[in-house]
Amino acid sequence: KILQEWGIKGQVRFLSFNPESDLYPQLSYFVPEADESGRLEIESIKRHGRYWLLKLKDYENPETARKLRGTVLGLPRAELPRPRKGELYLSDLEGLEVRRADGEAVGVIVGFQKVGDHEVMRIERAAGGEAMVPYHAEFVASTNLKEGFVALKPYAEALL
């Protein structure tokens, strides 16, 4: 997510939702979440503490860069490298069914929200409304991408 402009040459401060990623310096563009048909060409990107400094083509000064504030950036899924063994992309979980420990379906993952250090599943409940459950080993018993579900541990059900 672009937080604010930086300096006088149109750079912006970019907050990564995955701060451990080493992918950014290898990229040539980002896609703004609000306009998935658009491309923002990267001129330079470098780590700056817990942020990244990003220079995008056609944004030459703070005034033009200011228009990018709040923009969430991403890449098409097909452009991302394959996850390593034991890893996954949270976006791959969107649309998966969420099940109680007894196997009963309770809803579908509609997105994620970062809360503190944790990624929290936003679950559209079958009974109506939305629930939020951390996607963490403390709450999740298993994730089965092949069969399309996330199974919760018994005490996670209190959050539903």
Protein backbone atom coordinates (compact mmCIF):
# COMPACT_ATOMS: atom_id res chain seq x y z
CA LYS A 1 0.00 0.00 0.00
CA ILE A 2 1.34 3.42 -0.90
CA LEU A 3 1.46 5.57 2.22
CA GLN A 4 2.79 8.92 1.06
CA GLU A 5 5.11 10.70 -1.32
CA TRP A 6 8.81 10.81 -0.45
CA GLY A 7 11.35 13.41 -1.54
CA ILE A 8 11.19 15.73 -4.53
CA LYS A 9 11.50 13.25 -7.43
CA GLY A 10 8.11 11.56 -7.21
CA GLN A 11 9.07 8.61 -5.03
CA VAL A 12 6.53 7.09 -2.64
CA ARG A 13 6.75 5.12 0.59
CA PHE A 14 5.29 1.66 0.09
CA LEU A 15 4.21 -0.59 2.97
CA SER A 16 4.39 -4.26 2.10
CA PHE A 17 1.79 -6.67 3.43
CA ASN A 18 4.60 -9.24 3.24
CA PRO A 19 7.65 -7.49 4.70
CA GLU A 20 9.85 -10.60 4.36
CA SER A 21 9.38 -10.74 0.58
CA ASP A 22 12.48 -10.53 -1.56
CA LEU A 23 10.37 -10.37 -4.73
CA TYR A 24 10.02 -6.59 -5.14
CA PRO A 25 13.46 -5.78 -6.65
CA GLN A 26 12.75 -8.35 -9.38
CA LEU A 27 9.50 -6.70 -10.51
CA SER A 28 9.01 -4.36 -13.45
CA TYR A 29 5.46 -3.24 -12.61
CA PHE A 30 2.57 -3.29 -10.15
CA VAL A 31 -1.17 -3.37 -10.77
CA PRO A 32 -3.36 -1.04 -8.69
CA GLU A 33 -6.04 -3.04 -6.88
CA ALA A 34 -8.74 -0.53 -7.85
CA ASP A 35 -7.88 -0.78 -11.58
CA GLU A 36 -6.63 -4.25 -12.41
CA SER A 37 -6.32 -3.33 -16.08
CA GLY A 38 -3.77 -0.61 -15.27
CA ARG A 39 -0.02 -1.03 -14.91
CA LEU A 40 2.34 1.13 -12.91
CA GLU A 41 5.86 0.70 -14.33
CA ILE A 42 8.62 0.55 -11.71
CA GLU A 43 11.69 2.71 -12.30
CA SER A 44 13.34 1.83 -8.99
CA ILE A 45 12.55 0.19 -5.69
CA LYS A 46 14.68 -0.18 -2.57
CA ARG A 47 14.17 -1.13 1.05
CA HIS A 48 13.98 1.77 3.48
CA GLY A 49 13.64 0.45 7.05
CA ARG A 50 10.30 -1.30 7.33
CA TYR A 51 9.09 0.38 4.14
CA TRP A 52 10.12 0.41 0.49
CA LEU A 53 10.89 3.51 -1.55
CA LEU A 54 9.25 3.15 -4.91
CA LYS A 55 9.73 5.29 -8.02
CA LEU A 56 7.08 4.78 -10.67
CA LYS A 57 7.23 5.91 -14.29
CA ASP A 58 5.29 9.13 -15.05
CA TYR A 59 5.27 10.26 -11.42
CA GLU A 60 8.01 12.89 -11.48
CA ASN A 61 7.30 15.09 -8.46
CA PRO A 62 5.53 15.06 -5.08
CA GLU A 63 2.37 16.60 -6.54
CA THR A 64 1.79 13.77 -9.02
CA ALA A 65 2.95 11.11 -6.53
CA ARG A 66 0.42 12.41 -3.96
CA LYS A 67 -2.37 11.05 -6.19
CA LEU A 68 -1.16 7.53 -5.35
CA ARG A 69 -1.70 7.82 -1.58
CA GLY A 70 -3.68 4.86 -0.27
CA THR A 71 -3.32 2.85 -3.48
CA VAL A 72 -3.06 -0.87 -2.83
CA LEU A 73 -0.66 -2.51 -5.27
CA GLY A 74 -0.49 -6.10 -6.42
CA LEU A 75 0.39 -8.41 -9.27
CA PRO A 76 -1.69 -10.82 -11.30
CA ARG A 77 -1.54 -14.26 -9.64
CA ALA A 78 0.01 -15.75 -12.79
CA GLU A 79 3.00 -13.39 -12.41
CA LEU A 80 3.89 -14.57 -8.91
CA PRO A 81 6.48 -17.30 -8.42
CA ARG A 82 5.27 -20.69 -7.25
CA PRO A 83 5.13 -20.84 -3.47
CA ARG A 84 7.85 -22.91 -1.85
CA LYS A 85 6.97 -26.19 -0.16
CA GLY A 86 4.82 -25.51 2.90
CA GLU A 87 4.01 -21.96 1.76
CA LEU A 88 0.95 -20.49 0.07
CA TYR A 89 -0.49 -17.19 -1.04
CA LEU A 90 -3.35 -15.96 1.12
CA SER A 91 -5.17 -14.94 -2.05
CA ASP A 92 -5.31 -18.66 -2.93
CA LEU A 93 -7.49 -19.19 0.15
CA GLU A 94 -10.15 -16.71 -0.90
CA GLY A 95 -13.29 -18.60 -1.86
CA LEU A 96 -12.41 -21.67 0.22
CA GLU A 97 -15.03 -23.15 2.50
CA VAL A 98 -14.46 -22.84 6.26
CA ARG A 99 -15.40 -25.88 8.34
CA ARG A 100 -15.87 -26.52 12.04
CA ALA A 101 -13.81 -29.27 13.66
CA ASP A 102 -16.72 -31.70 13.05
CA GLY A 103 -16.63 -30.95 9.29
CA GLU A 104 -19.75 -28.77 9.14
CA ALA A 105 -19.37 -25.89 6.67
CA VAL A 106 -19.84 -22.49 8.32
CA GLY A 107 -18.90 -20.05 5.57
CA VAL A 108 -16.48 -18.94 2.90
CA ILE A 109 -13.26 -16.91 3.09
CA VAL A 110 -13.90 -13.58 1.37
CA GLY A 111 -10.61 -11.88 2.19
CA PHE A 112 -7.95 -11.16 4.77
CA GLN A 113 -7.18 -8.29 7.06
CA LYS A 114 -3.91 -7.65 8.87
CA VAL A 115 -4.51 -7.15 12.59
CA GLY A 116 -1.30 -6.54 14.50
CA ASP A 117 1.12 -9.24 13.39
CA HIS A 118 -1.62 -11.65 12.29
CA GLU A 119 -3.49 -12.26 9.08
CA VAL A 120 -7.17 -12.61 9.91
CA MET A 121 -9.63 -14.46 7.67
CA ARG A 122 -12.78 -12.56 6.81
CA ILE A 123 -15.44 -15.25 6.65
CA GLU A 124 -18.85 -14.73 5.11
CA ARG A 125 -20.98 -16.93 7.34
CA ALA A 126 -23.57 -19.23 5.79
CA ALA A 127 -25.98 -18.10 8.53
CA GLY A 128 -25.41 -14.46 7.57
CA GLY A 129 -22.95 -11.82 8.63
CA GLU A 130 -19.20 -11.89 8.73
CA ALA A 131 -16.78 -13.46 11.20
CA MET A 132 -13.07 -12.91 11.64
CA VAL A 133 -10.68 -15.70 12.64
CA PRO A 134 -6.88 -15.47 12.67
CA TYR A 135 -5.21 -17.63 10.03
CA HIS A 136 -2.80 -19.08 12.54
CA ALA A 137 -1.92 -22.59 13.74
CA GLU A 138 -3.58 -21.77 17.05
CA PHE A 139 -6.97 -21.52 15.30
CA VAL A 140 -6.59 -23.48 12.04
CA ALA A 141 -6.38 -27.28 12.15
CA SER A 142 -5.65 -27.74 8.43
CA THR A 143 -5.78 -26.15 5.00
CA ASN A 144 -6.70 -28.32 2.05
CA LEU A 145 -6.28 -26.41 -1.20
CA LYS A 146 -7.01 -29.49 -3.30
CA GLU A 147 -10.41 -30.11 -1.70
CA GLY A 148 -11.07 -26.41 -1.13
CA PHE A 149 -11.47 -25.95 2.62
CA VAL A 150 -9.91 -24.65 5.82
CA ALA A 151 -10.73 -26.64 8.97
CA LEU A 152 -10.85 -24.80 12.29
CA LYS A 153 -9.83 -26.08 15.69
CA PRO A 154 -12.71 -26.51 18.17
CA TYR A 155 -12.00 -23.40 20.25
CA ALA A 156 -11.82 -21.18 17.11
CA GLU A 157 -15.56 -21.76 16.73
CA ALA A 158 -16.18 -19.25 19.53
CA LEU A 159 -15.12 -16.53 17.06
CA LEU A 160 -17.84 -17.50 14.59
